[in-house]
Structure formats: structure tokens, C-alpha cells
C-alpha atoms as a PDB file:
ATOM      1  CA  MET A   1     224.127 187.133  65.911  1.00  0.00           C
ATOM      2  CA  PRO A   2     220.493 187.336  64.736  1.00  0.00           C
ATOM      3  CA  LEU A   3     219.117 184.681  62.413  1.00  0.00           C
ATOM      4  CA  THR A   4     218.672 185.501  58.765  1.00  0.00           C
ATOM      5  CA  PRO A   5     215.139 185.512  57.297  1.00  0.00           C
ATOM      6  CA  GLN A   6     215.932 182.221  55.536  1.00  0.00           C
ATOM      7  CA  GLU A   7     217.095 180.621  58.811  1.00  0.00           C
ATOM      8  CA  LEU A   8     213.954 181.827  60.550  1.00  0.00           C
ATOM      9  CA  LEU A   9     211.821 180.364  57.769  1.00  0.00           C
ATOM     10  CA  GLU A  10     213.660 177.028  57.981  1.00  0.00           C
ATOM     11  CA  LYS A  11     213.109 176.874  61.735  1.00  0.00           C
ATOM     12  CA  ALA A  12     209.434 177.730  61.378  1.00  0.00           C
ATOM     13  CA  THR A  13     208.898 175.216  58.571  1.00  0.00           C
ATOM     14  CA  LEU A  14     209.930 172.275  60.786  1.00  0.00           C
ATOM     15  CA  GLY A  15     211.338 170.139  57.897  1.00  0.00           C
ATOM     16  CA  LEU A  16     210.783 166.399  57.740  1.00  0.00           C
ATOM     17  CA  GLY A  17     213.897 165.170  59.520  1.00  0.00           C
ATOM     18  CA  ASP A  18     211.782 162.830  61.634  1.00  0.00           C
ATOM     19  CA  PHE A  19     210.301 161.373  58.437  1.00  0.00           C
ATOM     20  CA  GLY A  20     213.759 160.713  56.997  1.00  0.00           C
ATOM     21  CA  THR A  21     213.220 162.910  53.923  1.00  0.00           C
ATOM     22  CA  GLY A  22     213.206 166.528  52.783  1.00  0.00           C
ATOM     23  CA  THR A  23     210.134 168.673  52.487  1.00  0.00           C
ATOM     24  CA  THR A  24     209.442 167.843  48.839  1.00  0.00           C
ATOM     25  CA  ALA A  25     211.280 164.626  47.942  1.00  0.00           C
ATOM     26  CA  PRO A  26     209.377 161.334  47.659  1.00  0.00           C
ATOM     27  CA  LEU A  27     210.236 158.562  50.091  1.00  0.00           C
ATOM     28  CA  THR A  28     212.763 155.953  49.065  1.00  0.00           C
ATOM     29  CA  ILE A  29     211.671 152.328  48.784  1.00  0.00           C
ATOM     30  CA  GLU A  30     212.817 151.560  52.340  1.00  0.00           C
ATOM     31  CA  GLN A  31     211.177 154.668  53.731  1.00  0.00           C
ATOM     32  CA  ALA A  32     207.978 153.923  51.822  1.00  0.00           C
ATOM     33  CA  ASP A  33     207.945 150.459  53.394  1.00  0.00           C
ATOM     34  CA  GLU A  34     208.335 152.024  56.824  1.00  0.00           C
ATOM     35  CA  PHE A  35     205.423 154.400  56.229  1.00  0.00           C
ATOM     36  CA  LEU A  36     203.331 151.503  54.971  1.00  0.00           C
ATOM     37  CA  ARG A  37     204.225 149.526  58.073  1.00  0.00           C
ATOM     38  CA  LEU A  38     203.108 152.386  60.284  1.00  0.00           C
ATOM     39  CA  ALA A  39     199.909 152.770  58.290  1.00  0.00           C
ATOM     40  CA  ILE A  40     199.082 149.072  58.076  1.00  0.00           C
ATOM     41  CA  VAL A  41     199.965 147.625  61.474  1.00  0.00           C
ATOM     42  CA  PRO A  42     197.043 149.071  63.498  1.00  0.00           C
ATOM     43  CA  GLN A  43     194.439 148.004  60.906  1.00  0.00           C
ATOM     44  CA  ALA A  44     192.385 144.812  61.126  1.00  0.00           C
ATOM     45  CA  MET A  45     192.634 143.679  57.496  1.00  0.00           C
ATOM     46  CA  LEU A  46     195.542 145.595  55.965  1.00  0.00           C
ATOM     47  CA  SER A  47     197.919 143.889  58.384  1.00  0.00           C
ATOM     48  CA  ASP A  48     196.519 140.470  57.416  1.00  0.00           C
ATOM     49  CA  VAL A  49     195.923 140.418  53.656  1.00  0.00           C
ATOM     50  CA  ARG A  50     198.474 140.191  50.831  1.00  0.00           C
ATOM     51  CA  THR A  51     200.207 143.535  50.271  1.00  0.00           C
ATOM     52  CA  VAL A  52     201.761 144.094  46.831  1.00  0.00           C
ATOM     53  CA  ARG A  53     203.776 147.107  45.707  1.00  0.00           C
ATOM     54  CA  SER A  54     205.063 148.482  42.426  1.00  0.00           C
ATOM     55  CA  ARG A  55     206.652 151.639  41.116  1.00  0.00           C
ATOM     56  CA  ALA A  56     203.971 151.688  38.411  1.00  0.00           C
ATOM     57  CA  ASN A  57     200.445 153.042  38.789  1.00  0.00           C
ATOM     58  CA  LYS A  58     199.015 150.016  37.022  1.00  0.00           C
ATOM     59  CA  TRP A  59     200.460 146.517  36.903  1.00  0.00           C
ATOM     60  CA  GLN A  60     199.579 142.834  36.849  1.00  0.00           C
ATOM     61  CA  GLU A  61     200.141 140.069  39.384  1.00  0.00           C
ATOM     62  CA  SER A  62     200.315 136.498  38.058  1.00  0.00           C
ATOM     63  CA  THR A  63     198.624 133.534  39.735  1.00  0.00           C
ATOM     64  CA  ILE A  64     199.179 129.814  39.234  1.00  0.00           C
ATOM     65  CA  ASP A  65     197.422 126.789  40.709  1.00  0.00           C
ATOM     66  CA  PHE A  66     196.722 123.108  40.082  1.00  0.00           C
ATOM     67  CA  THR A  67     192.994 122.499  40.328  1.00  0.00           C
ATOM     68  CA  GLN A  68     192.967 118.897  39.091  1.00  0.00           C
ATOM     69  CA  ARG A  69     194.876 115.649  39.613  1.00  0.00           C
ATOM     70  CA  ILE A  70     198.478 115.587  38.384  1.00  0.00           C
ATOM     71  CA  LEU A  71     199.435 111.943  38.998  1.00  0.00           C
ATOM     72  CA  ARG A  72     198.400 109.025  36.751  1.00  0.00           C
ATOM     73  CA  PRO A  73     199.199 105.311  36.713  1.00  0.00           C
ATOM     74  CA  GLY A  74     202.789 104.978  35.550  1.00  0.00           C
ATOM     75  CA  THR A  75     204.697 102.441  33.475  1.00  0.00           C
ATOM     76  CA  GLY A  76     208.453 102.186  33.774  1.00  0.00           C
ATOM     77  CA  GLY A  77     210.321 103.757  30.879  1.00  0.00           C
ATOM     78  CA  THR A  78     207.126 105.130  29.308  1.00  0.00           C
ATOM     79  CA  ARG A  79     206.023 108.749  29.290  1.00  0.00           C
ATOM     80  CA  LEU A  80     202.427 109.763  29.799  1.00  0.00           C
ATOM     81  CA  ILE A  81     200.295 110.397  26.756  1.00  0.00           C
ATOM     82  CA  ASP A  82     199.330 114.002  26.052  1.00  0.00           C
ATOM     83  CA  ALA A  83     195.802 113.539  27.426  1.00  0.00           C
ATOM     84  CA  GLU A  84     197.210 112.513  30.815  1.00  0.00           C
ATOM     85  CA  ARG A  85     199.567 115.440  31.241  1.00  0.00           C
ATOM     86  CA  THR A  86     198.377 118.319  33.430  1.00  0.00           C
ATOM     87  CA  LYS A  87     198.741 122.022  32.868  1.00  0.00           C
ATOM     88  CA  PRO A  88     198.513 124.464  35.760  1.00  0.00           C
ATOM     89  CA  THR A  89     195.702 126.979  35.868  1.00  0.00           C
ATOM     90  CA  THR A  90     197.140 130.452  35.437  1.00  0.00           C
ATOM     91  CA  GLY A  91     195.623 133.861  35.757  1.00  0.00           C
ATOM     92  CA  VAL A  92     196.381 137.553  35.972  1.00  0.00           C
ATOM     93  CA  ILE A  93     195.253 140.025  38.610  1.00  0.00           C
ATOM     94  CA  GLU A  94     195.266 143.628  37.482  1.00  0.00           C
ATOM     95  CA  ILE A  95     196.075 146.325  40.002  1.00  0.00           C
ATOM     96  CA  SER A  96     195.090 149.819  38.874  1.00  0.00           C
ATOM     97  CA  THR A  97     195.774 152.292  41.650  1.00  0.00           C
ATOM     98  CA  VAL A  98     193.822 155.453  42.379  1.00  0.00           C
ATOM     99  CA  LEU A  99     195.161 158.601  44.014  1.00  0.00           C
ATOM    100  CA  VAL A 100     194.224 159.466  47.590  1.00  0.00           C
ATOM    101  CA  ARG A 101     195.360 162.609  49.347  1.00  0.00           C
ATOM    102  CA  GLY A 102     195.294 163.970  52.877  1.00  0.00           C
ATOM    103  CA  GLU A 103     196.241 167.367  54.283  1.00  0.00           C
ATOM    104  CA  VAL A 104     196.748 168.048  58.000  1.00  0.00           C
ATOM    105  CA  PRO A 105     197.354 171.711  58.923  1.00  0.00           C
ATOM    106  CA  VAL A 106     199.064 172.270  62.289  1.00  0.00           C
ATOM    107  CA  THR A 107     199.171 175.809  63.674  1.00  0.00           C
ATOM    108  CA  ASP A 108     202.340 177.427  64.931  1.00  0.00           C
ATOM    109  CA  GLU A 109     200.766 177.659  68.379  1.00  0.00           C
ATOM    110  CA  VAL A 110     200.486 173.860  68.569  1.00  0.00           C
ATOM    111  CA  PHE A 111     204.203 173.489  67.954  1.00  0.00           C
ATOM    112  CA  GLU A 112     205.003 176.300  70.393  1.00  0.00           C
ATOM    113  CA  ASP A 113     202.792 175.030  73.231  1.00  0.00           C
ATOM    114  CA  GLN A 114     203.290 171.258  73.057  1.00  0.00           C
ATOM    115  CA  VAL A 115     205.353 169.760  75.893  1.00  0.00           C
ATOM    116  CA  GLU A 116     206.630 166.618  74.155  1.00  0.00           C
ATOM    117  CA  GLY A 117     209.691 168.282  72.733  1.00  0.00           C
ATOM    118  CA  GLU A 118     211.439 166.851  69.693  1.00  0.00           C
ATOM    119  CA  GLY A 119     209.351 163.674  69.887  1.00  0.00           C
ATOM    120  CA  PHE A 120     206.230 165.589  68.861  1.00  0.00           C
ATOM    121  CA  SER A 121     207.001 165.200  65.144  1.00  0.00           C
ATOM    122  CA  ASN A 122     207.269 161.419  65.609  1.00  0.00           C
ATOM    123  CA  THR A 123     203.951 161.343  67.441  1.00  0.00           C
ATOM    124  CA  LEU A 124     202.309 163.448  64.758  1.00  0.00           C
ATOM    125  CA  SER A 125     203.698 161.387  61.872  1.00  0.00           C
ATOM    126  CA  SER A 126     202.619 158.124  63.532  1.00  0.00           C
ATOM    127  CA  MET A 127     199.095 159.442  64.072  1.00  0.00           C
ATOM    128  CA  ILE A 128     198.878 160.645  60.454  1.00  0.00           C
ATOM    129  CA  ALA A 129     200.084 157.233  59.256  1.00  0.00           C
ATOM    130  CA  GLU A 130     197.549 155.380  61.391  1.00  0.00           C
ATOM    131  CA  ALA A 131     194.683 157.611  60.279  1.00  0.00           C
ATOM    132  CA  SER A 132     195.760 157.179  56.647  1.00  0.00           C
ATOM    133  CA  GLY A 133     195.821 153.406  57.096  1.00  0.00           C
ATOM    134  CA  ARG A 134     192.324 153.451  58.560  1.00  0.00           C
ATOM    135  CA  ASP A 135     190.992 155.427  55.602  1.00  0.00           C
ATOM    136  CA  ILE A 136     192.802 153.209  53.079  1.00  0.00           C
ATOM    137  CA  GLU A 137     191.351 150.081  54.700  1.00  0.00           C
ATOM    138  CA  GLU A 138     187.880 151.636  54.462  1.00  0.00           C
ATOM    139  CA  LEU A 139     188.354 152.290  50.728  1.00  0.00           C
ATOM    140  CA  LEU A 140     189.771 148.839  49.977  1.00  0.00           C
ATOM    141  CA  LEU A 141     186.986 147.163  51.958  1.00  0.00           C
ATOM    142  CA  ILE A 142     183.823 149.057  51.003  1.00  0.00           C
ATOM    143  CA  GLY A 143     184.829 151.046  47.913  1.00  0.00           C
ATOM    144  CA  ASP A 144     182.146 151.086  45.211  1.00  0.00           C
ATOM    145  CA  THR A 145     182.429 153.039  41.961  1.00  0.00           C
ATOM    146  CA  THR A 146     178.653 153.613  42.055  1.00  0.00           C
ATOM    147  CA  SER A 147     178.773 155.167  45.545  1.00  0.00           C
ATOM    148  CA  LEU A 148     177.538 158.701  46.116  1.00  0.00           C
ATOM    149  CA  ASP A 149     180.536 159.215  48.408  1.00  0.00           C
ATOM    150  CA  PRO A 150     183.304 160.614  46.144  1.00  0.00           C
ATOM    151  CA  TYR A 151     186.036 158.919  48.188  1.00  0.00           C
ATOM    152  CA  LEU A 152     184.425 155.475  48.200  1.00  0.00           C
ATOM    153  CA  ALA A 153     183.616 155.850  44.483  1.00  0.00           C
ATOM    154  CA  LEU A 154     187.334 155.848  43.597  1.00  0.00           C
ATOM    155  CA  THR A 155     187.513 152.040  43.227  1.00  0.00           C
ATOM    156  CA  ASP A 156     185.666 148.796  43.967  1.00  0.00           C
ATOM    157  CA  GLY A 157     186.620 147.234  47.283  1.00  0.00           C
ATOM    158  CA  TRP A 158     186.719 143.632  48.488  1.00  0.00           C
ATOM    159  CA  ILE A 159     183.056 143.493  49.503  1.00  0.00           C
ATOM    160  CA  LYS A 160     181.856 144.449  46.025  1.00  0.00           C
ATOM    161  CA  LEU A 161     184.488 142.344  44.244  1.00  0.00           C
ATOM    162  CA  LEU A 162     183.513 139.224  46.228  1.00  0.00           C
ATOM    163  CA  GLN A 163     179.905 139.662  45.113  1.00  0.00           C
ATOM    164  CA  GLY A 164     180.907 139.935  41.463  1.00  0.00           C
ATOM    165  CA  SER A 165     181.436 137.350  38.763  1.00  0.00           C
ATOM    166  CA  GLY A 166     182.591 133.991  40.106  1.00  0.00           C
ATOM    167  CA  GLY A 167     181.976 134.878  43.748  1.00  0.00           C
ATOM    168  CA  ASN A 168     180.001 132.853  46.283  1.00  0.00           C
ATOM    169  CA  VAL A 169     177.288 134.927  47.942  1.00  0.00           C
ATOM    170  CA  TYR A 170     175.101 133.750  50.815  1.00  0.00           C
ATOM    171  CA  ASN A 171     171.982 135.650  51.907  1.00  0.00           C
ATOM    172  CA  ALA A 172     171.905 135.347  55.696  1.00  0.00           C
ATOM    173  CA  ALA A 173     168.632 137.198  56.308  1.00  0.00           C
ATOM    174  CA  ALA A 174     166.768 134.032  57.327  1.00  0.00           C
ATOM    175  CA  ASP A 175     169.444 133.010  59.849  1.00  0.00           C
ATOM    176  CA  LEU A 176     168.732 135.986  62.115  1.00  0.00           C
ATOM    177  CA  ASP A 177     171.485 135.985  64.774  1.00  0.00           C
ATOM    178  CA  ASP A 178     172.410 132.305  64.411  1.00  0.00           C
ATOM    179  CA  TYR A 179     175.996 133.077  63.506  1.00  0.00           C
ATOM    180  CA  GLN A 180     177.132 129.462  63.675  1.00  0.00           C
ATOM    181  CA  ALA A 181     174.651 128.658  60.917  1.00  0.00           C
ATOM    182  CA  ILE A 182     176.111 131.466  58.810  1.00  0.00           C
ATOM    183  CA  PHE A 183     179.697 130.359  59.452  1.00  0.00           C
ATOM    184  CA  ARG A 184     178.734 126.775  58.546  1.00  0.00           C
ATOM    185  CA  ALA A 185     177.015 127.892  55.334  1.00  0.00           C
ATOM    186  CA  LEU A 186     179.981 129.997  54.224  1.00  0.00           C
ATOM    187  CA  LEU A 187     182.458 127.207  54.926  1.00  0.00           C
ATOM    188  CA  THR A 188     180.302 124.682  53.063  1.00  0.00           C
ATOM    189  CA  MET A 189     180.202 126.911  49.969  1.00  0.00           C
ATOM    190  CA  ILE A 190     183.998 126.919  49.614  1.00  0.00           C
ATOM    191  CA  PRO A 191     185.050 124.349  46.966  1.00  0.00           C
ATOM    192  CA  VAL A 192     186.804 121.375  48.547  1.00  0.00           C
ATOM    193  CA  LYS A 193     189.841 121.891  46.293  1.00  0.00           C
ATOM    194  CA  ASN A 194     190.403 125.288  47.916  1.00  0.00           C
ATOM    195  CA  LYS A 195     190.217 124.084  51.519  1.00  0.00           C
ATOM    196  CA  ARG A 196     193.945 123.984  52.062  1.00  0.00           C
ATOM    197  CA  ASP A 197     196.224 125.820  54.467  1.00  0.00           C
ATOM    198  CA  MET A 198     193.239 126.400  56.751  1.00  0.00           C
ATOM    199  CA  ALA A 199     195.472 128.092  59.338  1.00  0.00           C
ATOM    200  CA  ASN A 200     195.467 131.159  57.067  1.00  0.00           C
ATOM    201  CA  TRP A 201     191.715 131.319  56.528  1.00  0.00           C
ATOM    202  CA  ARG A 202     189.720 134.074  58.213  1.00  0.00           C
ATOM    203  CA  PHE A 203     186.171 135.110  58.971  1.00  0.00           C
ATOM    204  CA  TYR A 204     186.187 138.921  58.718  1.00  0.00           C
ATOM    205  CA  VAL A 205     183.181 140.304  60.604  1.00  0.00           C
ATOM    206  CA  PRO A 206     181.911 143.558  62.152  1.00  0.00           C
ATOM    207  CA  SER A 207     183.395 144.222  65.593  1.00  0.00           C
ATOM    208  CA  LEU A 208     179.889 144.274  67.076  1.00  0.00           C
ATOM    209  CA  LEU A 209     179.236 140.747  65.820  1.00  0.00           C
ATOM    210  CA  VAL A 210     182.248 139.395  67.727  1.00  0.00           C
ATOM    211  CA  GLU A 211     180.899 140.939  70.922  1.00  0.00           C
ATOM    212  CA  MET A 212     177.484 139.389  70.317  1.00  0.00           C
ATOM    213  CA  TYR A 213     178.982 135.998  69.447  1.00  0.00           C
ATOM    214  CA  ARG A 214     181.091 136.031  72.609  1.00  0.00           C
ATOM    215  CA  ASP A 215     177.962 136.671  74.660  1.00  0.00           C
ATOM    216  CA  ALA A 216     176.187 133.787  72.920  1.00  0.00           C
ATOM    217  CA  LEU A 217     179.098 131.443  73.661  1.00  0.00           C
ATOM    218  CA  SER A 218     179.282 132.615  77.271  1.00  0.00           C
ATOM    219  CA  ALA A 219     175.724 131.399  77.833  1.00  0.00           C
ATOM    220  CA  ARG A 220     176.968 127.823  77.501  1.00  0.00           C
ATOM    221  CA  ASN A 221     177.623 126.009  80.766  1.00  0.00           C
ATOM    222  CA  THR A 222     181.107 124.971  79.624  1.00  0.00           C
ATOM    223  CA  ASP A 223     184.719 126.045  80.010  1.00  0.00           C
ATOM    224  CA  LEU A 224     184.493 127.623  76.547  1.00  0.00           C
ATOM    225  CA  GLY A 225     181.572 129.727  77.762  1.00  0.00           C
ATOM    226  CA  ASP A 226     183.607 131.097  80.682  1.00  0.00           C
ATOM    227  CA  ILE A 227     186.697 131.724  78.533  1.00  0.00           C
ATOM    228  CA  SER A 228     184.653 133.541  75.873  1.00  0.00           C
ATOM    229  CA  LEU A 229     183.430 135.997  78.477  1.00  0.00           C
ATOM    230  CA  THR A 230     186.490 136.459  80.680  1.00  0.00           C
ATOM    231  CA  GLU A 231     189.487 136.190  78.345  1.00  0.00           C
ATOM    232  CA  ALA A 232     190.531 138.105  75.238  1.00  0.00           C
ATOM    233  CA  ARG A 233     191.379 135.023  73.192  1.00  0.00           C
ATOM    234  CA  ASP A 234     190.634 134.713  69.493  1.00  0.00           C
ATOM    235  CA  VAL A 235     187.115 133.521  68.794  1.00  0.00           C
ATOM    236  CA  ARG A 236     187.102 130.699  66.253  1.00  0.00           C
ATOM    237  CA  TYR A 237     184.722 128.541  64.261  1.00  0.00           C
ATOM    238  CA  GLN A 238     186.104 125.095  63.357  1.00  0.00           C
ATOM    239  CA  GLY A 239     189.560 126.459  64.073  1.00  0.00           C
ATOM    240  CA  ILE A 240     189.211 129.473  61.744  1.00  0.00           C
ATOM    241  CA  PRO A 241     189.780 132.831  63.508  1.00  0.00           C
ATOM    242  CA  ILE A 242     186.853 135.251  63.558  1.00  0.00           C
ATOM    243  CA  ARG A 243     188.481 138.647  63.099  1.00  0.00           C
ATOM    244  CA  PRO A 244     186.674 141.846  64.143  1.00  0.00           C
ATOM    245  CA  VAL A 245     186.892 144.611  61.528  1.00  0.00           C
ATOM    246  CA  PRO A 246     185.916 148.069  62.838  1.00  0.00           C
ATOM    247  CA  MET A 247     185.551 149.411  59.288  1.00  0.00           C
ATOM    248  CA  MET A 248     183.058 146.695  58.251  1.00  0.00           C
ATOM    249  CA  PRO A 249     179.925 148.687  57.309  1.00  0.00           C
ATOM    250  CA  ILE A 250     176.657 148.321  59.192  1.00  0.00           C
ATOM    251  CA  THR A 251     173.457 149.368  57.411  1.00  0.00           C
ATOM    252  CA  ALA A 252     170.757 150.762  59.683  1.00  0.00           C
ATOM    253  CA  GLY A 253     167.403 149.082  59.290  1.00  0.00           C
ATOM    254  CA  THR A 254     165.076 146.536  60.861  1.00  0.00           C
ATOM    255  CA  PRO A 255     167.340 144.851  61.764  1.00  0.00           C
ATOM    256  CA  ASP A 256     170.733 146.492  61.274  1.00  0.00           C
ATOM    257  CA  THR A 257     172.715 144.386  58.801  1.00  0.00           C
ATOM    258  CA  SER A 258     176.287 143.851  57.676  1.00  0.00           C
ATOM    259  CA  TYR A 259     178.580 141.312  55.994  1.00  0.00           C
ATOM    260  CA  ILE A 260     180.767 138.332  56.877  1.00  0.00           C
ATOM    261  CA  ILE A 261     183.692 137.413  54.626  1.00  0.00           C
ATOM    262  CA  LEU A 262     185.315 133.970  54.626  1.00  0.00           C
ATOM    263  CA  THR A 263     188.557 133.754  52.679  1.00  0.00           C
ATOM    264  CA  HIS A 264     192.186 132.744  52.749  1.00  0.00           C
ATOM    265  CA  ARG A 265     193.796 135.959  53.928  1.00  0.00           C
ATOM    266  CA  LEU A 266     196.234 136.014  50.979  1.00  0.00           C
ATOM    267  CA  ASN A 267     193.349 135.807  48.516  1.00  0.00           C
ATOM    268  CA  LEU A 268     192.707 139.504  49.160  1.00  0.00           C
ATOM    269  CA  TYR A 269     195.170 141.952  47.605  1.00  0.00           C
ATOM    270  CA  ALA A 270     196.020 145.461  48.782  1.00  0.00           C
ATOM    271  CA  GLY A 271     198.008 147.176  46.034  1.00  0.00           C
ATOM    272  CA  PHE A 272     200.238 150.203  46.684  1.00  0.00           C
ATOM    273  CA  LYS A 273     202.277 152.252  44.241  1.00  0.00           C
ATOM    274  CA  ARG A 274     205.824 152.297  45.596  1.00  0.00           C
ATOM    275  CA  GLU A 275     206.323 156.044  45.645  1.00  0.00           C
ATOM    276  CA  ILE A 276     204.562 157.656  48.604  1.00  0.00           C
ATOM    277  CA  ARG A 277     204.897 161.376  49.152  1.00  0.00           C
ATOM    278  CA  ILE A 278     204.890 163.102  52.524  1.00  0.00           C
ATOM    279  CA  GLU A 279     205.451 166.814  52.235  1.00  0.00           C
ATOM    280  CA  THR A 280     205.160 169.885  54.420  1.00  0.00           C
ATOM    281  CA  PHE A 281     204.178 173.388  53.435  1.00  0.00           C
ATOM    282  CA  ARG A 282     204.097 176.351  55.774  1.00  0.00           C
ATOM    283  CA  ASP A 283     201.943 179.344  54.925  1.00  0.00           C
ATOM    284  CA  PRO A 284     202.960 182.254  57.163  1.00  0.00           C
ATOM    285  CA  ARG A 285     199.712 184.033  56.315  1.00  0.00           C
ATOM    286  CA  GLU A 286     197.804 181.237  58.032  1.00  0.00           C
ATOM    287  CA  GLY A 287     200.451 180.603  60.659  1.00  0.00           C
ATOM    288  CA  ALA A 288     200.250 176.872  60.015  1.00  0.00           C
ATOM    289  CA  THR A 289     202.316 174.012  58.636  1.00  0.00           C
ATOM    290  CA  SER A 290     200.418 171.493  56.509  1.00  0.00           C
ATOM    291  CA  TYR A 291     201.455 167.834  56.362  1.00  0.00           C
ATOM    292  CA  VAL A 292     200.383 166.463  52.982  1.00  0.00           C
ATOM    293  CA  VAL A 293     200.150 162.702  52.377  1.00  0.00           C
ATOM    294  CA  THR A 294     199.482 161.163  48.963  1.00  0.00           C
ATOM    295  CA  ALA A 295     199.278 157.493  47.982  1.00  0.00           C
ATOM    296  CA  ARG A 296     197.967 155.328  45.167  1.00  0.00           C
ATOM    297  CA  VAL A 297     196.058 152.197  46.161  1.00  0.00           C
ATOM    298  CA  ASP A 298     193.750 149.509  44.808  1.00  0.00           C
ATOM    299  CA  ALA A 299     191.960 146.349  45.962  1.00  0.00           C
ATOM    300  CA  ALA A 300     191.793 142.985  44.181  1.00  0.00           C
ATOM    301  CA  VAL A 301     190.688 139.400  44.790  1.00  0.00           C
ATOM    302  CA  ALA A 302     192.861 136.636  43.389  1.00  0.00           C
ATOM    303  CA  VAL A 303     190.244 133.862  43.095  1.00  0.00           C
ATOM    304  CA  PRO A 304     186.672 135.004  43.868  1.00  0.00           C
ATOM    305  CA  SER A 305     185.378 131.411  43.774  1.00  0.00           C
ATOM    306  CA  ALA A 306     187.728 130.513  46.648  1.00  0.00           C
ATOM    307  CA  SER A 307     185.980 132.959  48.991  1.00  0.00           C
ATOM    308  CA  THR A 308     182.449 133.454  50.281  1.00  0.00           C
ATOM    309  CA  ILE A 309     180.575 136.471  51.560  1.00  0.00           C
ATOM    310  CA  ALA A 310     177.372 136.604  53.598  1.00  0.00           C
ATOM    311  CA  THR A 311     175.028 139.542  53.074  1.00  0.00           C
ATOM    312  CA  SER A 312     172.121 140.794  55.213  1.00  0.00           C
ATOM    313  CA  VAL A 313     173.760 139.544  58.408  1.00  0.00           C
ATOM    314  CA  ASN A 314     171.755 140.570  61.485  1.00  0.00           C
ATOM    315  CA  VAL A 315     173.975 142.630  63.804  1.00  0.00           C
ATOM    316  CA  GLU A 316     171.292 144.293  65.886  1.00  0.00           C
ATOM    317  CA  PRO A 317     171.784 143.600  69.602  1.00  0.00           C
ATOM    318  CA  SER A 318     168.815 141.821  71.154  1.00  0.00           C
END
């Protein structure tokens, strides 16, 4: 029995069964988390920083901390006077998401000629998720509302936010390629009260800088020098991991320059609106099925004074 026109259309449209949703419905909370996991895992910073989600487009995250001494000399049976009692320092971080959209048209011939079988939709969805995560990390890292790039102008990213009010900025131009001097300067600028839980602190650097730093360490006639060159272990400074970030921008010049960020990884916020849409639309006139991804995202820094950023870092290979 021949297929009806509707059945033919449904076969050609290749619904979203592999995505776990219909062609037009938004993902559920669990499915949205799964898409976020696929998008975030391959990225250098998105998989490391604090990820917050809400059903709203705009919301606030509360912070609380004790920045001064709580304990005082005590006397049995006597409460402390008002002047000796301590209040926590509280704050509010505002997340105001912006809309990003991607469209990936796939021709009928691609679906007809591929040899992967039913797994092709999974491969395609994973690749779309990874590419979306890469682009989101770029926006959250180097977004700047004054940028001439319309995409990057959607919101201010971590690099700009860390250089704003309350931030600690170090000009590394005079240090040339002495990266240990830059790491030392950034670490010294962090207030002592914030130097806690150092296992979760990170230096976020351009990928090229890690390669150059490994070469510099390998020149040492020590076991560390050999390990730096021959093994893929984390590179660290005073125990703090130095994480390569492929999306860290490099500005061409004499020399080429970039940034180094030192922060507790949870001091950087990546905000996502809960509802993520993945839809398909087939246009028979074009003979293609388009996969459309939309998300709402924003970047924030909890405590700018608890982070440092180096500018004008020399990343030009010698």
C-alpha cells in the first residue's frame, strides 16, 4: 500500500525522536539539562565555571560572605555588645539573558547518502550542541556591548566585566614572556581574605601560552622540565592549574597580546534560561531540513575584587 502524502512528509521531515522531543515543542527541564551537558562538556571554561539556570529571562542570584572577624573575647553568661556582633556581607548578581540563535540546514542528499544509519541524527545533534557551546563560551568570555561584531555586542563577557568597577587589572606589557612574573603578580593582587579553597582557583590563559610555558619549563635541567615536555599533565603555578582556553582572544600586533584570568572558578557565572528550543523545519522547495537552536545566555562575575586579569600579555612565539 503506497504511503499517503502526509506519511511521506513525516518520513522526509526526520522528526526529533533522537532529541527526545517533537519538532516544535521546547525541551523539558531534564532534556534542557542534557542539551546543556552536551554543549558545555567539550568547552574549556563552560565546563568549569558556575552554571545557573532559570525559567525567567532575567533573575537575580544572591551572594553571602563573611569578610571580617566573627569571634570576640567571650564572658560566660554575657552576650556580645552590638558593636561586636558581625553581619555577613550580602550581594545580588543580576543575570539578564540575551537571545542567540543558530540554523543548520541539511540537504536531503546528506540524509540519503550517509552510511551511519539511524545514529546519524545523534551524531548531528551532538555536533550542533558542541558548536553551540563553543559559540556561547566565546560570547560569555569576550562579549562587549561596544563591539562592532553584532554577536559579541549582545552582552558583556567575563573579560570586560573583570576590568570593570572593583576589578583588579594588571598590565603585563613590561613582563614580556616572563609568565611566572605575571602569575606571581596576579596572585599577589588577590586579597588575602579571598585566598581560600585554592584547589578551585584557576589561571585561564590562551592555549598558545600553555605551549610556550611548557617549552620554557622543559628547558630546566630537572624532572619537572622533562615531564613538562613529555607528559600531558596539568601545568600549575603554586599548585593552581593553568587552563588553556582556545577561545581566549589574541590581538595581532608587535607583539601579539592576550589576557590571563586568575579567579576561583565559581566566581564566574554562566546564566542560561531554562527553556531551550531545538526545532526542525523542512522546506521541500530547498530539499533541506533545518535544525534550529535557540538559547538565552548571560555572563556575570560574583565578586570582581576576588579575581585578577592581566592585559597586554605577550603571546608571540620567539
